[in-house]
Amino acid sequence: MTTRSIPALPLTLVVLLALGAAGCDLWPSSNDTVAKNAAKDAAKPAPTLASLQPAPAAHEPAPPAQAPAPPPPPQRMTNAQEADFESWIVRTYLGCWKPAAQPADSDPYFARVRLAFKPDGSLAKAPKLVNPPSDPALKSLAKSVMQAVQSCNPLPVPAQYRPFYEQWKTKTIQFSPQVAAR
């Protein structure tokens, strides 16, 4: 069995590097210099995490203030609230309506009017009769419906429905002579 010897020079270099990395002063120049450096190091305060971070540059802008949170999304009416609103709006328009007499020999006509409202309840644009009658005898009934819409303008929307404007800003209302006769 052959033994190998490790050359002395590489081993010496490894030992010297390890001692230098461990903080041993391998080549002191003079005793005075070493003593002065040791005294300076002892007088310095120990570094803290804050002192190790770079100071902000003077020309950098401050971080922006946090923007206010956006408003919460608008709530929607429940089905019951929506049904109550529909009932209220029909009752209100029927209160303004003076229906013209419907000819006895004609089919019943139920006028449907498309409405666009402003948040205050006034009409945003002219009402539109969705289903104009084809029978000339029913034109007076359709005209009375349009007059009712104009006479109820602005619509006095109750306070409990105002927050839900997005749901009622456009509506199509049906006018029934049978309901108005009650």
C-alpha atoms as a PDB file:
ATOM      1  CA  MET A   1       0.000   0.000   0.000  1.00  0.00           C
ATOM      2  CA  THR A   2       1.362   3.327  -1.004  1.00  0.00           C
ATOM      3  CA  THR A   3       0.891   6.441   1.074  1.00  0.00           C
ATOM      4  CA  ARG A   4       0.723   9.773  -0.526  1.00  0.00           C
ATOM      5  CA  SER A   5       1.928  12.828   1.179  1.00  0.00           C
ATOM      6  CA  ILE A   6       0.223  16.166   0.807  1.00  0.00           C
ATOM      7  CA  PRO A   7       2.567  18.843  -0.463  1.00  0.00           C
ATOM      8  CA  ALA A   8       3.354  21.357   2.258  1.00  0.00           C
ATOM      9  CA  LEU A   9       2.897  24.577   0.262  1.00  0.00           C
ATOM     10  CA  PRO A  10      -0.814  24.180  -0.630  1.00  0.00           C
ATOM     11  CA  LEU A  11      -1.593  23.090   2.908  1.00  0.00           C
ATOM     12  CA  THR A  12       0.145  26.158   4.313  1.00  0.00           C
ATOM     13  CA  LEU A  13      -1.846  28.445   2.033  1.00  0.00           C
ATOM     14  CA  VAL A  14      -5.112  26.860   3.141  1.00  0.00           C
ATOM     15  CA  VAL A  15      -4.211  27.353   6.818  1.00  0.00           C
ATOM     16  CA  LEU A  16      -3.195  31.003   6.278  1.00  0.00           C
ATOM     17  CA  LEU A  17      -6.386  31.775   4.375  1.00  0.00           C
ATOM     18  CA  ALA A  18      -8.484  30.179   7.104  1.00  0.00           C
ATOM     19  CA  LEU A  19      -6.709  32.202   9.807  1.00  0.00           C
ATOM     20  CA  GLY A  20      -7.148  35.413   7.814  1.00  0.00           C
ATOM     21  CA  ALA A  21     -10.853  34.701   7.328  1.00  0.00           C
ATOM     22  CA  ALA A  22     -11.190  34.078  11.079  1.00  0.00           C
ATOM     23  CA  GLY A  23      -9.949  37.611  11.716  1.00  0.00           C
ATOM     24  CA  CYS A  24      -6.404  36.839  12.815  1.00  0.00           C
ATOM     25  CA  ASP A  25      -3.997  39.655  11.947  1.00  0.00           C
ATOM     26  CA  LEU A  26      -1.268  37.766  10.141  1.00  0.00           C
ATOM     27  CA  TRP A  27       1.047  40.640   9.148  1.00  0.00           C
ATOM     28  CA  PRO A  28       1.099  43.392  11.792  1.00  0.00           C
ATOM     29  CA  SER A  29       3.163  46.347  10.676  1.00  0.00           C
ATOM     30  CA  SER A  30       3.873  47.866  14.064  1.00  0.00           C
ATOM     31  CA  ASN A  31       2.541  47.561  17.580  1.00  0.00           C
ATOM     32  CA  ASP A  32       1.392  51.241  17.671  1.00  0.00           C
ATOM     33  CA  THR A  33      -0.742  50.928  14.542  1.00  0.00           C
ATOM     34  CA  VAL A  34      -2.377  47.742  15.772  1.00  0.00           C
ATOM     35  CA  ALA A  35      -3.181  49.280  19.162  1.00  0.00           C
ATOM     36  CA  LYS A  36      -4.624  52.455  17.580  1.00  0.00           C
ATOM     37  CA  ASN A  37      -6.841  50.503  15.185  1.00  0.00           C
ATOM     38  CA  ALA A  38      -8.099  48.302  18.029  1.00  0.00           C
ATOM     39  CA  ALA A  39      -8.944  51.396  20.130  1.00  0.00           C
ATOM     40  CA  LYS A  40     -10.823  53.004  17.215  1.00  0.00           C
ATOM     41  CA  ASP A  41     -12.815  49.830  16.589  1.00  0.00           C
ATOM     42  CA  ALA A  42     -13.750  49.543  20.281  1.00  0.00           C
ATOM     43  CA  ALA A  43     -14.979  53.185  20.376  1.00  0.00           C
ATOM     44  CA  LYS A  44     -17.323  52.757  17.407  1.00  0.00           C
ATOM     45  CA  PRO A  45     -20.922  51.823  18.214  1.00  0.00           C
ATOM     46  CA  ALA A  46     -22.052  48.453  16.999  1.00  0.00           C
ATOM     47  CA  PRO A  47     -23.817  48.686  13.645  1.00  0.00           C
ATOM     48  CA  THR A  48     -27.622  48.387  13.674  1.00  0.00           C
ATOM     49  CA  LEU A  49     -29.957  47.246  10.923  1.00  0.00           C
ATOM     50  CA  ALA A  50     -31.113  50.832  10.341  1.00  0.00           C
ATOM     51  CA  SER A  51     -27.543  52.101   9.981  1.00  0.00           C
ATOM     52  CA  LEU A  52     -26.787  49.457   7.366  1.00  0.00           C
ATOM     53  CA  GLN A  53     -29.665  50.564   5.071  1.00  0.00           C
ATOM     54  CA  PRO A  54     -28.916  53.331   2.584  1.00  0.00           C
ATOM     55  CA  ALA A  55     -30.306  56.773   3.333  1.00  0.00           C
ATOM     56  CA  PRO A  56     -33.005  57.959   0.898  1.00  0.00           C
ATOM     57  CA  ALA A  57     -31.723  60.294  -1.756  1.00  0.00           C
ATOM     58  CA  ALA A  58     -32.792  63.920  -1.401  1.00  0.00           C
ATOM     59  CA  HIS A  59     -34.169  64.053  -4.947  1.00  0.00           C
ATOM     60  CA  GLU A  60     -36.449  61.011  -4.568  1.00  0.00           C
ATOM     61  CA  PRO A  61     -40.113  61.941  -4.165  1.00  0.00           C
ATOM     62  CA  ALA A  62     -41.916  60.852  -1.047  1.00  0.00           C
ATOM     63  CA  PRO A  63     -44.129  57.842  -1.521  1.00  0.00           C
ATOM     64  CA  PRO A  64     -47.619  58.915  -2.599  1.00  0.00           C
ATOM     65  CA  ALA A  65     -50.282  59.201   0.051  1.00  0.00           C
ATOM     66  CA  GLN A  66     -52.661  56.291  -0.029  1.00  0.00           C
ATOM     67  CA  ALA A  67     -55.628  57.105  -2.243  1.00  0.00           C
ATOM     68  CA  PRO A  68     -59.025  57.011  -0.592  1.00  0.00           C
ATOM     69  CA  ALA A  69     -60.862  53.756  -0.928  1.00  0.00           C
ATOM     70  CA  PRO A  70     -63.362  53.678  -3.798  1.00  0.00           C
ATOM     71  CA  PRO A  71     -66.987  53.890  -2.778  1.00  0.00           C
ATOM     72  CA  PRO A  72     -68.684  50.566  -2.250  1.00  0.00           C
ATOM     73  CA  PRO A  73     -70.693  49.288  -5.196  1.00  0.00           C
ATOM     74  CA  PRO A  74     -74.283  50.458  -5.123  1.00  0.00           C
ATOM     75  CA  GLN A  75     -76.699  48.083  -3.501  1.00  0.00           C
ATOM     76  CA  ARG A  76     -79.598  46.657  -5.433  1.00  0.00           C
ATOM     77  CA  MET A  77     -83.231  46.555  -4.453  1.00  0.00           C
ATOM     78  CA  THR A  78     -84.483  43.247  -3.215  1.00  0.00           C
ATOM     79  CA  ASN A  79     -87.197  41.550  -5.265  1.00  0.00           C
ATOM     80  CA  ALA A  80     -89.781  42.709  -2.737  1.00  0.00           C
ATOM     81  CA  GLN A  81     -88.552  46.327  -2.909  1.00  0.00           C
ATOM     82  CA  GLU A  82     -88.589  46.196  -6.688  1.00  0.00           C
ATOM     83  CA  ALA A  83     -92.157  44.862  -6.701  1.00  0.00           C
ATOM     84  CA  ASP A  84     -93.200  47.614  -4.262  1.00  0.00           C
ATOM     85  CA  PHE A  85     -91.584  50.244  -6.482  1.00  0.00           C
ATOM     86  CA  GLU A  86     -93.326  48.875  -9.598  1.00  0.00           C
ATOM     87  CA  SER A  87     -96.647  48.932  -7.763  1.00  0.00           C
ATOM     88  CA  TRP A  88     -96.043  52.480  -6.523  1.00  0.00           C
ATOM     89  CA  ILE A  89     -95.097  53.832  -9.954  1.00  0.00           C
ATOM     90  CA  VAL A  90     -98.165  52.246 -11.626  1.00  0.00           C
ATOM     91  CA  ARG A  91    -100.482  53.624  -8.893  1.00  0.00           C
ATOM     92  CA  THR A  92     -98.913  57.071  -9.261  1.00  0.00           C
ATOM     93  CA  TYR A  93     -99.363  57.160 -13.045  1.00  0.00           C
ATOM     94  CA  LEU A  94    -102.885  55.748 -12.805  1.00  0.00           C
ATOM     95  CA  GLY A  95    -103.693  58.620 -10.438  1.00  0.00           C
ATOM     96  CA  CYS A  96    -102.692  61.077 -13.201  1.00  0.00           C
ATOM     97  CA  TRP A  97    -104.507  59.189 -15.956  1.00  0.00           C
ATOM     98  CA  LYS A  98    -107.933  60.103 -17.255  1.00  0.00           C
ATOM     99  CA  PRO A  99    -108.460  57.302 -19.751  1.00  0.00           C
ATOM    100  CA  ALA A 100    -110.451  57.988 -22.868  1.00  0.00           C
ATOM    101  CA  ALA A 101    -113.385  55.720 -23.493  1.00  0.00           C
ATOM    102  CA  GLN A 102    -112.425  52.532 -25.255  1.00  0.00           C
ATOM    103  CA  PRO A 103    -114.773  51.471 -28.041  1.00  0.00           C
ATOM    104  CA  ALA A 104    -116.873  48.494 -26.991  1.00  0.00           C
ATOM    105  CA  ASP A 105    -116.280  46.582 -30.189  1.00  0.00           C
ATOM    106  CA  SER A 106    -112.454  46.826 -30.086  1.00  0.00           C
ATOM    107  CA  ASP A 107    -109.951  44.497 -28.510  1.00  0.00           C
ATOM    108  CA  PRO A 108    -108.597  45.722 -25.164  1.00  0.00           C
ATOM    109  CA  TYR A 109    -105.601  48.019 -25.584  1.00  0.00           C
ATOM    110  CA  PHE A 110    -102.878  48.125 -22.960  1.00  0.00           C
ATOM    111  CA  ALA A 111    -100.548  51.009 -23.725  1.00  0.00           C
ATOM    112  CA  ARG A 112     -96.891  50.463 -22.842  1.00  0.00           C
ATOM    113  CA  VAL A 113     -94.701  53.522 -22.384  1.00  0.00           C
ATOM    114  CA  ARG A 114     -90.889  53.531 -22.110  1.00  0.00           C
ATOM    115  CA  LEU A 115     -89.661  56.160 -19.660  1.00  0.00           C
ATOM    116  CA  ALA A 116     -86.206  57.526 -18.852  1.00  0.00           C
ATOM    117  CA  PHE A 117     -85.811  59.376 -15.560  1.00  0.00           C
ATOM    118  CA  LYS A 118     -83.318  61.752 -14.008  1.00  0.00           C
ATOM    119  CA  PRO A 119     -82.330  61.073 -10.383  1.00  0.00           C
ATOM    120  CA  ASP A 120     -84.850  63.698  -9.186  1.00  0.00           C
ATOM    121  CA  GLY A 121     -87.750  61.798 -10.813  1.00  0.00           C
ATOM    122  CA  SER A 122     -88.216  64.134 -13.757  1.00  0.00           C
ATOM    123  CA  LEU A 123     -88.206  62.766 -17.295  1.00  0.00           C
ATOM    124  CA  ALA A 124     -84.744  62.668 -18.882  1.00  0.00           C
ATOM    125  CA  LYS A 125     -86.268  62.524 -22.378  1.00  0.00           C
ATOM    126  CA  ALA A 126     -89.647  62.363 -24.026  1.00  0.00           C
ATOM    127  CA  PRO A 127     -91.670  59.239 -23.182  1.00  0.00           C
ATOM    128  CA  LYS A 128     -92.049  56.704 -25.996  1.00  0.00           C
ATOM    129  CA  LEU A 129     -95.185  54.733 -26.704  1.00  0.00           C
ATOM    130  CA  VAL A 130     -93.809  51.231 -27.314  1.00  0.00           C
ATOM    131  CA  ASN A 131     -96.962  49.769 -28.862  1.00  0.00           C
ATOM    132  CA  PRO A 132     -98.969  52.444 -30.697  1.00  0.00           C
ATOM    133  CA  PRO A 133    -102.481  51.205 -31.553  1.00  0.00           C
ATOM    134  CA  SER A 134    -103.224  50.201 -35.117  1.00  0.00           C
ATOM    135  CA  ASP A 135    -106.959  50.862 -34.636  1.00  0.00           C
ATOM    136  CA  PRO A 136    -107.671  54.607 -35.141  1.00  0.00           C
ATOM    137  CA  ALA A 137    -110.466  54.377 -32.543  1.00  0.00           C
ATOM    138  CA  LEU A 138    -107.817  53.594 -29.851  1.00  0.00           C
ATOM    139  CA  LYS A 139    -105.530  56.541 -30.654  1.00  0.00           C
ATOM    140  CA  SER A 140    -107.377  58.745 -28.131  1.00  0.00           C
ATOM    141  CA  LEU A 141    -106.664  56.158 -25.413  1.00  0.00           C
ATOM    142  CA  ALA A 142    -102.943  56.180 -26.303  1.00  0.00           C
ATOM    143  CA  LYS A 143    -102.969  59.988 -26.281  1.00  0.00           C
ATOM    144  CA  SER A 144    -104.508  60.028 -22.779  1.00  0.00           C
ATOM    145  CA  VAL A 145    -101.691  57.747 -21.546  1.00  0.00           C
ATOM    146  CA  MET A 146     -99.022  60.131 -22.865  1.00  0.00           C
ATOM    147  CA  GLN A 147    -100.843  63.075 -21.237  1.00  0.00           C
ATOM    148  CA  ALA A 148    -100.869  61.213 -17.897  1.00  0.00           C
ATOM    149  CA  VAL A 149     -97.085  60.723 -18.083  1.00  0.00           C
ATOM    150  CA  GLN A 150     -96.566  64.428 -18.781  1.00  0.00           C
ATOM    151  CA  SER A 151     -98.959  65.532 -16.017  1.00  0.00           C
ATOM    152  CA  CYS A 152     -97.148  63.358 -13.421  1.00  0.00           C
ATOM    153  CA  ASN A 153     -93.753  64.865 -14.363  1.00  0.00           C
ATOM    154  CA  PRO A 154     -91.678  65.083 -12.191  1.00  0.00           C
ATOM    155  CA  LEU A 155     -92.465  61.820 -10.487  1.00  0.00           C
ATOM    156  CA  PRO A 156     -92.211  62.235  -6.680  1.00  0.00           C
ATOM    157  CA  VAL A 157     -89.916  59.238  -6.075  1.00  0.00           C
ATOM    158  CA  PRO A 158     -90.057  58.219  -2.388  1.00  0.00           C
ATOM    159  CA  ALA A 159     -86.808  58.515  -0.432  1.00  0.00           C
ATOM    160  CA  GLN A 160     -86.453  54.756   0.105  1.00  0.00           C
ATOM    161  CA  TYR A 161     -86.106  54.196  -3.673  1.00  0.00           C
ATOM    162  CA  ARG A 162     -83.756  57.086  -4.526  1.00  0.00           C
ATOM    163  CA  PRO A 163     -80.521  55.184  -3.684  1.00  0.00           C
ATOM    164  CA  PHE A 164     -81.489  52.597  -6.311  1.00  0.00           C
ATOM    165  CA  TYR A 165     -81.678  55.042  -9.208  1.00  0.00           C
ATOM    166  CA  GLU A 166     -79.670  52.746 -11.508  1.00  0.00           C
ATOM    167  CA  GLN A 167     -82.500  50.208 -11.273  1.00  0.00           C
ATOM    168  CA  TRP A 168     -85.336  52.614 -12.069  1.00  0.00           C
ATOM    169  CA  LYS A 169     -83.728  55.174 -14.378  1.00  0.00           C
ATOM    170  CA  THR A 170     -85.456  53.457 -17.312  1.00  0.00           C
ATOM    171  CA  LYS A 171     -88.802  51.739 -16.979  1.00  0.00           C
ATOM    172  CA  THR A 172     -91.561  50.496 -19.263  1.00  0.00           C
ATOM    173  CA  ILE A 173     -94.988  50.969 -17.719  1.00  0.00           C
ATOM    174  CA  GLN A 174     -98.190  49.315 -18.892  1.00  0.00           C
ATOM    175  CA  PHE A 175    -101.472  51.230 -18.648  1.00  0.00           C
ATOM    176  CA  SER A 176    -104.550  49.024 -18.300  1.00  0.00           C
ATOM    177  CA  PRO A 177    -108.034  50.595 -18.609  1.00  0.00           C
ATOM    178  CA  GLN A 178    -109.430  47.792 -16.407  1.00  0.00           C
ATOM    179  CA  VAL A 179    -107.027  48.669 -13.570  1.00  0.00           C
ATOM    180  CA  ALA A 180    -107.750  52.402 -13.978  1.00  0.00           C
ATOM    181  CA  ALA A 181    -111.508  51.738 -13.705  1.00  0.00           C
ATOM    182  CA  ARG A 182    -111.103  50.264 -10.172  1.00  0.00           C
END
